[in-house]
N, C-alpha and C. Protein backbone atom coordinates (compact mmCIF):
# COMPACT_ATOMS: atom_id res chain seq x y z
N MET A 1 11.42 -2.67 6.09
CA MET A 1 10.22 -3.22 6.68
C MET A 1 9.03 -2.30 6.43
N ARG A 2 9.28 -0.98 6.46
CA ARG A 2 8.18 -0.06 6.20
C ARG A 2 7.65 -0.22 4.80
N ALA A 3 8.55 -0.42 3.84
CA ALA A 3 8.11 -0.59 2.45
C ALA A 3 7.29 -1.86 2.29
N LEU A 4 7.70 -2.91 2.98
CA LEU A 4 6.96 -4.16 2.90
C LEU A 4 5.57 -4.02 3.51
N CYS A 5 5.48 -3.34 4.63
CA CYS A 5 4.16 -3.11 5.25
C CYS A 5 3.27 -2.28 4.34
N GLY A 6 3.83 -1.26 3.71
CA GLY A 6 3.05 -0.45 2.77
C GLY A 6 2.59 -1.25 1.58
N ALA A 7 3.45 -2.15 1.09
CA ALA A 7 3.06 -2.98 -0.05
C ALA A 7 1.95 -3.94 0.33
N ILE A 8 1.99 -4.47 1.53
CA ILE A 8 0.94 -5.38 1.98
C ILE A 8 -0.38 -4.64 2.13
N ILE A 9 -0.34 -3.43 2.69
CA ILE A 9 -1.56 -2.62 2.82
C ILE A 9 -2.13 -2.32 1.45
N THR A 10 -1.27 -1.94 0.52
CA THR A 10 -1.71 -1.62 -0.84
C THR A 10 -2.31 -2.83 -1.53
N ALA A 11 -1.67 -3.99 -1.38
CA ALA A 11 -2.18 -5.20 -2.01
C ALA A 11 -3.56 -5.56 -1.46
N GLY A 12 -3.73 -5.47 -0.16
CA GLY A 12 -5.03 -5.75 0.44
C GLY A 12 -6.10 -4.79 -0.04
N ALA A 13 -5.74 -3.52 -0.15
CA ALA A 13 -6.71 -2.53 -0.62
C ALA A 13 -7.06 -2.75 -2.09
N MET A 14 -6.08 -3.16 -2.89
CA MET A 14 -6.37 -3.41 -4.31
C MET A 14 -7.26 -4.64 -4.48
N ILE A 15 -7.05 -5.66 -3.66
CA ILE A 15 -7.95 -6.81 -3.69
C ILE A 15 -9.36 -6.36 -3.30
N GLY A 16 -9.46 -5.53 -2.28
CA GLY A 16 -10.76 -5.00 -1.87
C GLY A 16 -11.42 -4.16 -2.95
N LEU A 17 -10.62 -3.39 -3.70
CA LEU A 17 -11.18 -2.60 -4.79
C LEU A 17 -11.73 -3.50 -5.90
N GLY A 18 -11.03 -4.58 -6.17
CA GLY A 18 -11.54 -5.52 -7.17
C GLY A 18 -12.85 -6.15 -6.74
N LEU A 19 -12.94 -6.53 -5.48
CA LEU A 19 -14.18 -7.09 -4.96
C LEU A 19 -15.30 -6.06 -4.95
N THR A 20 -14.96 -4.81 -4.66
CA THR A 20 -15.97 -3.74 -4.69
C THR A 20 -16.47 -3.51 -6.10
N ALA A 21 -15.58 -3.58 -7.07
CA ALA A 21 -16.01 -3.43 -8.46
C ALA A 21 -16.96 -4.56 -8.86
N LEU A 22 -16.66 -5.77 -8.42
CA LEU A 22 -17.58 -6.89 -8.68
C LEU A 22 -18.92 -6.65 -8.00
N ALA A 23 -18.89 -6.13 -6.78
CA ALA A 23 -20.13 -5.86 -6.06
C ALA A 23 -20.97 -4.82 -6.78
N PHE A 24 -20.32 -3.77 -7.30
CA PHE A 24 -21.06 -2.76 -8.07
C PHE A 24 -21.70 -3.39 -9.29
N GLY A 25 -20.94 -4.22 -9.99
CA GLY A 25 -21.47 -4.84 -11.20
C GLY A 25 -22.63 -5.77 -10.93
N ILE A 26 -22.49 -6.59 -9.91
CA ILE A 26 -23.55 -7.55 -9.58
C ILE A 26 -24.78 -6.82 -9.05
N ARG A 27 -24.55 -5.81 -8.24
CA ARG A 27 -25.67 -5.10 -7.61
C ARG A 27 -26.53 -4.36 -8.63
N PHE A 28 -25.88 -3.75 -9.61
CA PHE A 28 -26.60 -2.86 -10.51
C PHE A 28 -26.69 -3.37 -11.94
N GLN A 29 -26.46 -4.65 -12.18
CA GLN A 29 -26.50 -5.15 -13.55
C GLN A 29 -27.91 -5.11 -14.15
N GLY A 30 -28.93 -5.35 -13.35
CA GLY A 30 -30.26 -5.34 -13.90
C GLY A 30 -31.17 -4.33 -13.23
N MET A 31 -30.61 -3.42 -12.49
CA MET A 31 -31.43 -2.48 -11.73
C MET A 31 -31.81 -1.29 -12.58
N THR A 32 -33.08 -1.06 -12.65
CA THR A 32 -33.56 0.12 -13.37
C THR A 32 -34.43 1.00 -12.49
N GLN A 33 -34.70 0.57 -11.24
CA GLN A 33 -35.54 1.35 -10.33
C GLN A 33 -34.75 2.50 -9.73
N THR A 34 -35.38 3.64 -9.62
CA THR A 34 -34.75 4.80 -9.01
C THR A 34 -35.71 5.45 -8.02
N HIS A 35 -35.18 6.27 -7.14
CA HIS A 35 -36.00 7.10 -6.26
C HIS A 35 -36.58 8.24 -7.08
N GLU A 36 -37.41 9.06 -6.40
CA GLU A 36 -37.95 10.24 -7.07
C GLU A 36 -36.83 11.23 -7.42
N GLY A 37 -35.78 11.22 -6.60
CA GLY A 37 -34.67 12.14 -6.83
C GLY A 37 -33.73 11.69 -7.93
N GLY A 38 -33.91 10.50 -8.45
CA GLY A 38 -33.06 10.02 -9.52
C GLY A 38 -31.89 9.18 -9.06
N GLN A 39 -31.75 8.94 -7.73
CA GLN A 39 -30.64 8.14 -7.23
C GLN A 39 -31.01 6.66 -7.22
N LEU A 40 -30.03 5.82 -7.44
CA LEU A 40 -30.24 4.38 -7.38
C LEU A 40 -30.27 3.91 -5.93
N TYR A 41 -30.98 2.83 -5.67
CA TYR A 41 -31.01 2.25 -4.33
C TYR A 41 -29.65 1.64 -3.99
N GLY A 42 -29.21 1.80 -2.76
CA GLY A 42 -28.01 1.14 -2.28
C GLY A 42 -26.69 1.79 -2.64
N ILE A 43 -26.71 2.93 -3.27
CA ILE A 43 -25.47 3.58 -3.69
C ILE A 43 -24.62 4.06 -2.50
N PRO A 44 -25.17 4.70 -1.47
CA PRO A 44 -24.30 5.26 -0.42
C PRO A 44 -23.41 4.23 0.26
N THR A 45 -23.91 3.03 0.51
CA THR A 45 -23.11 2.03 1.19
C THR A 45 -21.92 1.61 0.35
N LEU A 46 -22.14 1.34 -0.91
CA LEU A 46 -21.04 0.92 -1.78
C LEU A 46 -20.06 2.06 -2.04
N VAL A 47 -20.55 3.27 -2.10
CA VAL A 47 -19.65 4.41 -2.31
C VAL A 47 -18.76 4.61 -1.10
N ILE A 48 -19.29 4.41 0.08
CA ILE A 48 -18.48 4.51 1.30
C ILE A 48 -17.37 3.46 1.27
N CYS A 49 -17.71 2.23 0.89
CA CYS A 49 -16.70 1.17 0.77
C CYS A 49 -15.64 1.56 -0.25
N LEU A 50 -16.06 2.09 -1.38
CA LEU A 50 -15.13 2.47 -2.43
C LEU A 50 -14.19 3.59 -1.96
N VAL A 51 -14.73 4.58 -1.30
CA VAL A 51 -13.92 5.71 -0.83
C VAL A 51 -12.91 5.24 0.22
N VAL A 52 -13.34 4.41 1.15
CA VAL A 52 -12.42 3.90 2.19
C VAL A 52 -11.30 3.10 1.56
N LEU A 53 -11.61 2.26 0.57
CA LEU A 53 -10.58 1.47 -0.08
C LEU A 53 -9.63 2.33 -0.90
N LEU A 54 -10.14 3.35 -1.55
CA LEU A 54 -9.26 4.25 -2.30
C LEU A 54 -8.31 5.00 -1.36
N ILE A 55 -8.82 5.42 -0.22
CA ILE A 55 -7.97 6.09 0.76
C ILE A 55 -6.90 5.13 1.28
N SER A 56 -7.27 3.88 1.52
CA SER A 56 -6.28 2.92 2.02
C SER A 56 -5.23 2.59 0.95
N VAL A 57 -5.62 2.61 -0.33
CA VAL A 57 -4.62 2.43 -1.40
C VAL A 57 -3.63 3.58 -1.38
N LEU A 58 -4.12 4.80 -1.25
CA LEU A 58 -3.22 5.95 -1.22
C LEU A 58 -2.29 5.92 0.00
N ILE A 59 -2.82 5.55 1.14
CA ILE A 59 -2.00 5.46 2.34
C ILE A 59 -0.95 4.36 2.19
N GLY A 60 -1.35 3.21 1.69
CA GLY A 60 -0.41 2.11 1.50
C GLY A 60 0.69 2.45 0.51
N MET A 61 0.33 3.10 -0.60
CA MET A 61 1.35 3.51 -1.57
C MET A 61 2.29 4.54 -0.97
N GLY A 62 1.75 5.46 -0.18
CA GLY A 62 2.61 6.44 0.48
C GLY A 62 3.58 5.80 1.44
N ILE A 63 3.10 4.85 2.24
CA ILE A 63 3.98 4.16 3.18
C ILE A 63 5.05 3.38 2.42
N ALA A 64 4.66 2.71 1.34
CA ALA A 64 5.62 1.93 0.57
C ALA A 64 6.71 2.82 -0.03
N PHE A 65 6.32 3.93 -0.66
CA PHE A 65 7.31 4.79 -1.28
C PHE A 65 8.19 5.49 -0.25
N LEU A 66 7.61 5.97 0.83
CA LEU A 66 8.42 6.60 1.87
C LEU A 66 9.34 5.58 2.55
N GLY A 67 8.84 4.37 2.75
CA GLY A 67 9.68 3.32 3.32
C GLY A 67 10.87 3.01 2.43
N LEU A 68 10.65 2.93 1.12
CA LEU A 68 11.77 2.70 0.21
C LEU A 68 12.73 3.87 0.18
N ALA A 69 12.20 5.08 0.25
CA ALA A 69 13.07 6.26 0.24
C ALA A 69 13.96 6.27 1.48
N TYR A 70 13.39 6.00 2.65
CA TYR A 70 14.18 5.98 3.87
C TYR A 70 15.18 4.83 3.87
N HIS A 71 14.80 3.71 3.28
CA HIS A 71 15.72 2.58 3.20
C HIS A 71 16.93 2.94 2.34
N HIS A 72 16.68 3.54 1.19
CA HIS A 72 17.79 3.91 0.32
C HIS A 72 18.65 5.01 0.93
N GLU A 73 18.02 5.93 1.65
CA GLU A 73 18.80 6.98 2.31
C GLU A 73 19.69 6.38 3.39
N ARG A 74 19.16 5.46 4.16
CA ARG A 74 19.95 4.82 5.21
C ARG A 74 21.12 4.04 4.61
N ARG A 75 20.87 3.30 3.53
CA ARG A 75 21.96 2.57 2.87
C ARG A 75 22.99 3.52 2.31
N HIS A 76 22.57 4.67 1.79
CA HIS A 76 23.50 5.66 1.26
C HIS A 76 24.43 6.16 2.37
N TYR A 77 23.87 6.49 3.52
CA TYR A 77 24.69 6.96 4.63
C TYR A 77 25.60 5.86 5.17
N GLU A 78 25.11 4.63 5.20
CA GLU A 78 25.96 3.53 5.65
C GLU A 78 27.14 3.32 4.71
N LEU A 79 26.90 3.44 3.41
CA LEU A 79 27.96 3.25 2.43
C LEU A 79 29.01 4.34 2.57
N HIS A 80 28.57 5.59 2.72
CA HIS A 80 29.51 6.70 2.77
C HIS A 80 30.17 6.85 4.13
N SER A 81 29.63 6.29 5.16
CA SER A 81 30.28 6.39 6.47
C SER A 81 31.44 5.40 6.57
N ASP A 82 31.45 4.35 5.75
CA ASP A 82 32.54 3.38 5.77
C ASP A 82 33.73 3.80 4.93
N ILE A 83 33.58 4.83 4.10
CA ILE A 83 34.67 5.27 3.24
C ILE A 83 35.74 5.94 4.10
N GLY A 84 37.00 5.57 3.89
CA GLY A 84 38.10 6.17 4.63
C GLY A 84 38.45 5.42 5.91
N ARG A 85 37.71 4.43 6.27
CA ARG A 85 38.02 3.63 7.46
C ARG A 85 38.81 2.40 7.06
N ALA A 86 39.50 1.86 8.02
CA ALA A 86 40.22 0.61 7.78
C ALA A 86 39.20 -0.52 7.62
N PRO A 87 39.50 -1.52 6.80
CA PRO A 87 38.57 -2.62 6.64
C PRO A 87 38.36 -3.37 7.95
N ARG A 88 37.21 -3.92 8.11
CA ARG A 88 36.89 -4.66 9.32
C ARG A 88 37.70 -5.95 9.36
N THR A 89 38.17 -6.29 10.52
CA THR A 89 38.94 -7.52 10.67
C THR A 89 38.32 -8.44 11.69
N GLU A 90 37.03 -8.44 11.78
CA GLU A 90 36.35 -9.32 12.71
C GLU A 90 36.52 -10.75 12.26
N GLY A 91 37.01 -11.57 13.12
CA GLY A 91 37.13 -12.98 12.81
C GLY A 91 38.41 -13.32 12.07
N VAL A 92 39.16 -12.34 11.57
CA VAL A 92 40.41 -12.60 10.86
C VAL A 92 41.50 -12.82 11.88
N GLY A 93 42.24 -13.91 11.76
CA GLY A 93 43.32 -14.20 12.67
C GLY A 93 42.89 -14.83 13.97
N ARG A 94 41.64 -15.04 14.13
CA ARG A 94 41.12 -15.64 15.33
C ARG A 94 41.14 -17.16 15.19
N SER A 95 41.64 -17.85 16.14
CA SER A 95 41.63 -19.32 16.06
C SER A 95 40.41 -19.85 16.78
N MET A 96 39.88 -20.92 16.27
CA MET A 96 38.67 -21.48 16.86
C MET A 96 39.01 -22.54 17.80
């Protein structure tokens, strides 16, 4: 479940990154005006959006990979804890 949640977070952040890239392109396709300092108008707001989305991609990927690692570790321990035990007989020989 952790891996699935991380994948969903990552997918949402990647969709947001695509939309942010479109916003950058549309916003600055014909802009040639600058401040006296040489900065373009409107850059800080879009950069904040970009940074937040990049951070959320990293967090989502981390959750997804750690979730998969814990899932595989848990399955590994479950597999090895059953070795040497008698097979389960739940439901065998039981009449309905």
